[in-house]
Amino acid sequence: MSEISTSSPKIIPITVVSGAPAGEKQVGNDKIALNRAGFDTAVPTLRKPSWIRVRLPQGNAVAQLKARLRENALVTVCEEASCPNIHECFSKGTATFMILGEVCTRRCSFCDVAHGRPVAPDPLEPARLAETIRDMRLKYVVITSVDRDDLRDGGAEHFAACIRATRHASPNIKIEILTPDFRGKGRMERALEVLKDFPPDVFNHNLETVPHLYREVRPGADYQWSLDLLKRFKAQHPGVPTKSGIMLGLGETWDQVIETLGDLRAHDVEMITIGQYLQPTPHHHPVVRYWTPEEFEALREAGEAMGFHHVASGPLVRSSYHADLQAHAAGVTESA
């Protein structure tokens, strides 16, 4: 296994907006323009290939689910991150719930979630979330959050509260959490301590990209830190599968992707998602290349050969897309 590259650019430190009013959103150019890690804006806009096109379902199920979410003051990453699969998932009554607000303390150049100074965590959110999940009769749920660098534990206690409330309301449910990196002095230790008593059924934390692109894609993040989080959680909970995801099309090479997959396996990660990056707005990181379905299939085969328990690889694959089916294939659930 190749060692992690030590020649990647210096990591940009975490910064938290202090001047903006709490809850105020910075989106599009207002968010990306202040990103201290630049990227090449001269890359020509590429035409989306045929395999990227998404068919919109018929009916009013999407509107009905959105109305239910608004009634319960809940947010989904499907909406906030402009996921291309939102209509398919919403039409089937599934969603990935985003807790801890809709304002992130980071300015990642690939992400459409708003940046700013978040408001304090809502103590009633875990109960509202649990009630909504129960009313939707979900058997599998994914709970994620924005980065909360303003909190001492990065939001881990709120994750635990949501897990507790959801299991109380739906005893047979399986819960996957997709967490931030809990980066900062003592923050990972506090987060792992909190989650020790309330672990999920699947622990997911995305690397997002190869280490060579971290400076321009994930300012404020650290490749090795994210790998360590995944490995330390697995060591603490050997029976809980760990999962991660990466995007392609940001300028990475085949060899860099293979190296990243190898790093994940070396840190005991068992499930992986690989999908095509799509530019949310013209202000975000450009799409450098569209990887073909054949290349995604080759990466699936490469991942399986490395020993991943499950590899979801395809142009429209996202970390939470068909997460229940991924978990079933990996043996987490008894039925899909």
Protein backbone atom coordinates (compact mmCIF):
# COMPACT_ATOMS: atom_id res chain seq x y z
CA MET A 1 0.00 0.00 0.00
CA SER A 2 1.38 3.39 -0.92
CA GLU A 3 1.97 5.85 1.89
CA ILE A 4 -0.01 9.06 2.03
CA SER A 5 1.68 11.82 0.09
CA THR A 6 3.52 14.36 2.24
CA SER A 7 3.96 16.82 -0.61
CA SER A 8 0.37 18.09 -0.68
CA PRO A 9 -0.08 21.84 -0.13
CA LYS A 10 -0.22 23.29 3.36
CA ILE A 11 -3.68 23.01 4.90
CA ILE A 12 -5.57 26.28 5.28
CA PRO A 13 -6.61 26.85 8.91
CA ILE A 14 -10.22 26.81 10.01
CA THR A 15 -11.88 30.22 10.08
CA VAL A 16 -15.32 31.02 11.46
CA VAL A 17 -17.31 34.05 10.32
CA SER A 18 -17.62 36.50 13.22
CA GLY A 19 -18.80 39.72 11.62
CA ALA A 20 -21.98 38.48 9.96
CA PRO A 21 -25.20 38.23 11.99
CA ALA A 22 -25.93 34.72 13.26
CA GLY A 23 -27.96 32.76 10.72
CA GLU A 24 -27.20 35.07 7.79
CA LYS A 25 -26.36 33.06 4.68
CA GLN A 26 -23.52 33.63 2.23
CA VAL A 27 -24.15 31.74 -1.00
CA GLY A 28 -22.73 31.60 -4.53
CA ASN A 29 -20.11 34.26 -5.19
CA ASP A 30 -20.55 35.84 -1.74
CA LYS A 31 -19.40 32.54 -0.25
CA ILE A 32 -16.74 31.45 -2.74
CA ALA A 33 -15.15 34.90 -3.31
CA LEU A 34 -13.84 34.90 0.27
CA ASN A 35 -12.35 31.44 -0.09
CA ARG A 36 -8.62 31.84 0.51
CA ALA A 37 -7.87 28.78 -1.60
CA GLY A 38 -8.16 29.67 -5.25
CA PHE A 39 -8.90 27.44 -8.21
CA ASP A 40 -8.60 27.87 -11.95
CA THR A 41 -11.65 29.83 -13.10
CA ALA A 42 -10.48 29.75 -16.73
CA VAL A 43 -11.49 26.13 -17.20
CA PRO A 44 -14.07 26.06 -20.03
CA THR A 45 -17.59 24.99 -19.15
CA LEU A 46 -18.11 21.41 -20.26
CA ARG A 47 -21.35 20.17 -21.77
CA LYS A 48 -23.02 17.56 -19.62
CA PRO A 49 -22.89 14.13 -21.26
CA SER A 50 -26.03 12.09 -21.81
CA TRP A 51 -25.40 9.84 -18.81
CA ILE A 52 -25.69 12.82 -16.43
CA ARG A 53 -29.24 13.78 -17.44
CA VAL A 54 -31.88 13.21 -14.74
CA ARG A 55 -35.52 12.44 -15.48
CA LEU A 56 -38.00 14.28 -13.26
CA PRO A 57 -40.76 12.09 -11.79
CA GLN A 58 -44.42 12.93 -12.16
CA GLY A 59 -46.85 13.67 -9.31
CA ASN A 60 -46.89 15.88 -6.24
CA ALA A 61 -44.92 13.67 -3.84
CA VAL A 62 -41.97 16.07 -3.92
CA ALA A 63 -44.11 19.05 -2.95
CA GLN A 64 -45.82 17.05 -0.22
CA LEU A 65 -42.54 15.97 1.37
CA LYS A 66 -41.15 19.51 1.22
CA ALA A 67 -44.29 20.78 2.94
CA ARG A 68 -43.94 18.19 5.69
CA LEU A 69 -40.31 19.14 6.26
CA ARG A 70 -41.16 22.84 6.50
CA GLU A 71 -43.99 22.12 8.95
CA ASN A 72 -41.49 20.41 11.24
CA ALA A 73 -38.76 23.03 10.70
CA LEU A 74 -36.41 20.39 9.28
CA VAL A 75 -33.73 20.73 6.61
CA THR A 76 -32.43 18.18 4.10
CA VAL A 77 -29.00 18.11 2.54
CA CYS A 78 -30.83 17.09 -0.64
CA GLU A 79 -32.16 20.65 -0.95
CA GLU A 80 -29.30 22.63 0.59
CA ALA A 81 -26.58 20.92 -1.47
CA SER A 82 -28.60 20.89 -4.72
CA CYS A 83 -28.38 17.11 -5.10
CA PRO A 84 -29.25 15.89 -8.64
CA ASN A 85 -31.20 12.95 -7.19
CA ILE A 86 -33.58 15.03 -5.07
CA HIS A 87 -36.67 14.46 -7.21
CA GLU A 88 -36.18 10.69 -7.31
CA CYS A 89 -35.61 10.42 -3.56
CA PHE A 90 -38.36 12.85 -2.56
CA SER A 91 -40.84 11.13 -4.88
CA LYS A 92 -40.14 7.88 -2.99
CA GLY A 93 -40.56 9.56 0.40
CA THR A 94 -36.90 9.38 1.40
CA ALA A 95 -34.51 12.16 2.40
CA THR A 96 -31.21 12.78 4.14
CA PHE A 97 -31.85 15.00 7.12
CA MET A 98 -29.41 17.82 7.88
CA ILE A 99 -29.28 18.84 11.53
CA LEU A 100 -27.61 21.77 13.30
CA GLY A 101 -28.99 24.35 10.90
CA GLU A 102 -28.38 25.23 7.28
CA VAL A 103 -25.38 27.56 7.69
CA CYS A 104 -21.88 26.05 7.52
CA THR A 105 -18.68 27.44 9.01
CA ARG A 106 -16.60 26.27 6.03
CA ARG A 107 -16.32 27.57 2.45
CA CYS A 108 -15.67 24.40 0.44
CA SER A 109 -15.51 25.30 -3.25
CA PHE A 110 -17.60 22.30 -4.38
CA CYS A 111 -20.49 22.68 -1.96
CA ASP A 112 -23.71 24.66 -2.36
CA VAL A 113 -24.57 24.80 1.35
CA ALA A 114 -24.58 28.38 2.63
CA HIS A 115 -21.67 29.76 4.68
CA GLY A 116 -21.91 32.07 7.67
CA ARG A 117 -22.14 32.23 11.45
CA PRO A 118 -24.64 29.57 12.56
CA VAL A 119 -27.27 30.01 15.24
CA ALA A 120 -27.16 27.92 18.41
CA PRO A 121 -28.34 24.31 18.09
CA ASP A 122 -32.10 23.90 18.47
CA PRO A 123 -32.78 21.68 21.52
CA LEU A 124 -36.17 20.69 20.09
CA GLU A 125 -34.75 19.48 16.77
CA PRO A 126 -34.02 15.88 17.88
CA ALA A 127 -37.65 15.36 18.93
CA ARG A 128 -39.04 16.90 15.73
CA LEU A 129 -36.67 14.80 13.65
CA ALA A 130 -37.63 11.60 15.46
CA GLU A 131 -41.35 12.31 15.04
CA THR A 132 -40.98 12.99 11.32
CA ILE A 133 -38.96 9.81 10.76
CA ARG A 134 -41.55 7.81 12.69
CA ASP A 135 -44.44 9.35 10.74
CA MET A 136 -42.66 8.58 7.45
CA ARG A 137 -42.27 4.96 8.62
CA LEU A 138 -38.66 4.87 7.55
CA LYS A 139 -36.63 1.74 8.18
CA TYR A 140 -33.30 3.37 7.35
CA VAL A 141 -32.33 7.00 7.76
CA VAL A 142 -29.25 9.12 7.09
CA ILE A 143 -28.55 12.08 9.37
CA THR A 144 -25.89 14.60 8.41
CA SER A 145 -24.93 18.14 9.39
CA VAL A 146 -23.08 21.25 8.36
CA ASP A 147 -19.62 21.87 9.79
CA ARG A 148 -19.92 23.50 13.21
CA ASP A 149 -16.45 24.78 14.03
CA ASP A 150 -18.10 27.13 16.53
CA LEU A 151 -19.04 24.25 18.86
CA ARG A 152 -16.57 22.61 21.25
CA ASP A 153 -17.62 19.11 20.20
CA GLY A 154 -18.36 20.00 16.57
CA GLY A 155 -22.01 19.09 17.12
CA ALA A 156 -21.44 15.51 18.32
CA GLU A 157 -23.78 15.84 21.31
CA HIS A 158 -26.56 16.98 18.99
CA PHE A 159 -25.91 13.94 16.75
CA ALA A 160 -26.17 11.73 19.83
CA ALA A 161 -29.41 13.41 20.90
CA CYS A 162 -30.88 12.80 17.44
CA ILE A 163 -29.82 9.14 17.55
CA ARG A 164 -31.36 8.70 21.02
CA ALA A 165 -34.65 10.36 20.06
CA THR A 166 -34.94 8.51 16.74
CA ARG A 167 -34.32 5.09 18.27
CA HIS A 168 -36.82 5.83 21.04
CA ALA A 169 -39.51 6.72 18.48
CA SER A 170 -38.56 3.97 15.98
CA PRO A 171 -36.90 1.08 17.88
CA ASN A 172 -36.22 -1.03 14.77
CA ILE A 173 -34.73 1.69 12.60
CA LYS A 174 -31.18 1.64 11.25
CA ILE A 175 -29.32 4.95 11.47
CA GLU A 176 -26.41 6.15 9.36
CA ILE A 177 -24.70 9.38 10.34
CA LEU A 178 -22.64 11.40 7.87
CA THR A 179 -20.49 13.62 10.06
CA PRO A 180 -18.15 16.58 9.63
CA ASP A 181 -14.49 16.06 10.49
CA PHE A 182 -14.65 17.38 14.09
CA ARG A 183 -11.38 19.16 13.36
CA GLY A 184 -9.82 21.36 16.04
CA LYS A 185 -7.96 21.04 19.33
CA GLY A 186 -9.63 18.37 21.44
CA ARG A 187 -12.74 18.32 19.23
CA MET A 188 -12.29 14.82 17.80
CA GLU A 189 -11.68 13.39 21.27
CA ARG A 190 -14.83 15.02 22.62
CA ALA A 191 -16.87 13.85 19.64
CA LEU A 192 -15.70 10.25 19.90
CA GLU A 193 -16.38 10.24 23.64
CA VAL A 194 -19.93 11.49 23.09
CA LEU A 195 -20.65 8.97 20.32
CA LYS A 196 -19.19 6.09 22.35
CA ASP A 197 -22.48 5.56 24.18
CA PHE A 198 -24.76 6.26 21.20
CA PRO A 199 -23.12 4.84 18.07
CA PRO A 200 -24.98 4.73 14.75
CA ASP A 201 -25.44 1.60 12.65
CA VAL A 202 -23.15 3.07 9.96
CA PHE A 203 -20.54 5.79 10.50
CA ASN A 204 -19.90 7.86 7.38
CA HIS A 205 -17.39 10.65 6.86
CA ASN A 206 -16.49 11.77 3.35
CA LEU A 207 -12.96 12.46 2.15
CA GLU A 208 -14.62 14.20 -0.84
CA THR A 209 -11.47 14.31 -3.01
CA VAL A 210 -7.83 13.25 -3.34
CA PRO A 211 -5.25 14.86 -1.02
CA HIS A 212 -3.60 16.83 -3.83
CA LEU A 213 -6.79 18.87 -4.31
CA TYR A 214 -7.63 19.57 -0.67
CA ARG A 215 -6.32 23.13 -0.67
CA GLU A 216 -8.59 24.26 -3.51
CA VAL A 217 -11.56 22.01 -2.77
CA ARG A 218 -11.71 21.64 1.04
CA PRO A 219 -10.01 24.64 2.69
CA GLY A 220 -10.02 24.15 6.44
CA ALA A 221 -9.99 20.36 6.14
CA ASP A 222 -7.10 17.92 6.53
CA TYR A 223 -6.86 14.65 4.61
CA GLN A 224 -5.00 12.74 7.31
CA TRP A 225 -7.30 14.09 10.03
CA SER A 226 -10.32 12.69 8.19
CA LEU A 227 -8.64 9.31 7.75
CA ASP A 228 -7.75 9.26 11.45
CA LEU A 229 -11.35 10.03 12.42
CA LEU A 230 -12.59 7.05 10.43
CA LYS A 231 -9.96 4.72 11.86
CA ARG A 232 -10.42 5.87 15.46
CA PHE A 233 -14.19 5.45 15.29
CA LYS A 234 -13.74 1.94 13.87
CA ALA A 235 -11.30 1.05 16.64
CA GLN A 236 -13.84 2.27 19.20
CA HIS A 237 -16.75 0.42 17.54
CA PRO A 238 -15.41 -2.66 15.68
CA GLY A 239 -18.93 -3.86 14.88
CA VAL A 240 -20.09 -0.64 13.20
CA PRO A 241 -19.27 -0.36 9.47
CA THR A 242 -17.39 2.76 8.39
CA LYS A 243 -18.05 4.49 5.10
CA SER A 244 -16.63 7.33 3.03
CA GLY A 245 -17.16 9.00 -0.33
CA ILE A 246 -15.26 10.87 -3.01
CA MET A 247 -16.20 12.96 -6.05
CA LEU A 248 -14.54 12.79 -9.45
CA GLY A 249 -14.13 15.54 -12.01
CA LEU A 250 -12.25 18.13 -9.96
CA GLY A 251 -8.90 17.50 -11.61
CA GLU A 252 -7.78 14.24 -10.01
CA THR A 253 -6.00 11.44 -11.89
CA TRP A 254 -6.75 7.73 -11.97
CA ASP A 255 -3.65 6.92 -9.93
CA GLN A 256 -4.59 9.51 -7.29
CA VAL A 257 -8.06 8.00 -6.96
CA ILE A 258 -6.62 4.50 -6.57
CA GLU A 259 -4.18 5.80 -3.95
CA THR A 260 -7.05 7.40 -2.04
CA LEU A 261 -9.05 4.18 -2.10
CA GLY A 262 -5.98 2.40 -0.77
CA ASP A 263 -5.63 4.93 2.04
CA LEU A 264 -9.26 4.37 3.03
CA ARG A 265 -8.80 0.60 3.19
CA ALA A 266 -5.60 1.06 5.19
CA HIS A 267 -7.71 3.00 7.72
CA ASP A 268 -10.30 0.22 7.99
CA VAL A 269 -13.05 1.83 5.90
CA GLU A 270 -15.45 -0.82 4.56
CA MET A 271 -17.92 1.03 2.33
CA ILE A 272 -17.20 3.62 -0.36
CA THR A 273 -19.25 5.81 -2.70
CA ILE A 274 -17.76 7.32 -5.86
CA GLY A 275 -19.70 9.84 -7.93
CA GLN A 276 -19.31 12.61 -10.50
CA TYR A 277 -18.88 16.18 -9.22
CA LEU A 278 -21.44 18.61 -10.67
CA GLN A 279 -20.88 22.37 -10.40
CA PRO A 280 -23.74 23.89 -8.32
CA THR A 281 -23.30 27.44 -9.68
CA PRO A 282 -20.87 29.20 -12.05
CA HIS A 283 -19.07 30.55 -8.96
CA HIS A 284 -18.10 27.12 -7.67
CA HIS A 285 -15.16 24.91 -8.62
CA PRO A 286 -15.47 24.02 -12.31
CA VAL A 287 -15.96 20.50 -13.61
CA VAL A 288 -12.59 19.63 -15.11
CA ARG A 289 -13.70 16.31 -16.60
CA TYR A 290 -16.70 14.02 -16.80
CA TRP A 291 -15.66 10.47 -15.98
CA THR A 292 -17.41 7.83 -18.09
CA PRO A 293 -19.70 5.07 -16.79
CA GLU A 294 -17.06 2.56 -17.88
CA GLU A 295 -14.45 4.27 -15.70
CA PHE A 296 -16.81 4.24 -12.72
CA GLU A 297 -17.38 0.54 -13.28
CA ALA A 298 -13.61 -0.05 -13.40
CA LEU A 299 -13.26 1.80 -10.09
CA ARG A 300 -15.99 -0.37 -8.58
CA GLU A 301 -14.06 -3.46 -9.58
CA ALA A 302 -10.81 -1.98 -8.24
CA GLY A 303 -12.47 -1.15 -4.92
CA GLU A 304 -13.92 -4.62 -4.55
CA ALA A 305 -10.49 -6.10 -5.29
CA MET A 306 -9.07 -4.00 -2.45
CA GLY A 307 -11.51 -5.57 -0.02
CA PHE A 308 -14.25 -2.97 0.40
CA HIS A 309 -17.44 -4.68 1.59
CA HIS A 310 -19.50 -2.51 -0.74
CA VAL A 311 -18.58 -0.10 -3.54
CA ALA A 312 -21.21 2.21 -5.06
CA SER A 313 -19.61 3.81 -8.11
CA GLY A 314 -21.44 5.71 -10.84
CA PRO A 315 -21.93 9.21 -12.27
CA LEU A 316 -24.98 10.04 -10.12
CA VAL A 317 -23.91 8.15 -7.00
CA ARG A 318 -23.95 10.30 -3.88
CA SER A 319 -22.99 9.45 -0.32
CA SER A 320 -26.60 9.07 0.80
CA TYR A 321 -28.16 7.95 -2.50
CA HIS A 322 -29.78 4.53 -1.97
CA ALA A 323 -27.90 4.35 1.33
CA ASP A 324 -30.35 1.71 2.55
CA LEU A 325 -29.52 -0.54 -0.40
CA GLN A 326 -25.81 0.01 0.18
CA ALA A 327 -26.21 -0.93 3.83
CA HIS A 328 -28.19 -4.04 2.89
CA ALA A 329 -25.50 -5.12 0.42
CA ALA A 330 -22.90 -4.66 3.17
CA GLY A 331 -24.94 -6.78 5.59
CA VAL A 332 -26.13 -3.96 7.86
CA THR A 333 -29.84 -4.57 7.28
CA GLU A 334 -31.78 -7.81 6.93
CA SER A 335 -33.97 -6.57 4.09
CA ALA A 336 -33.61 -3.84 1.50
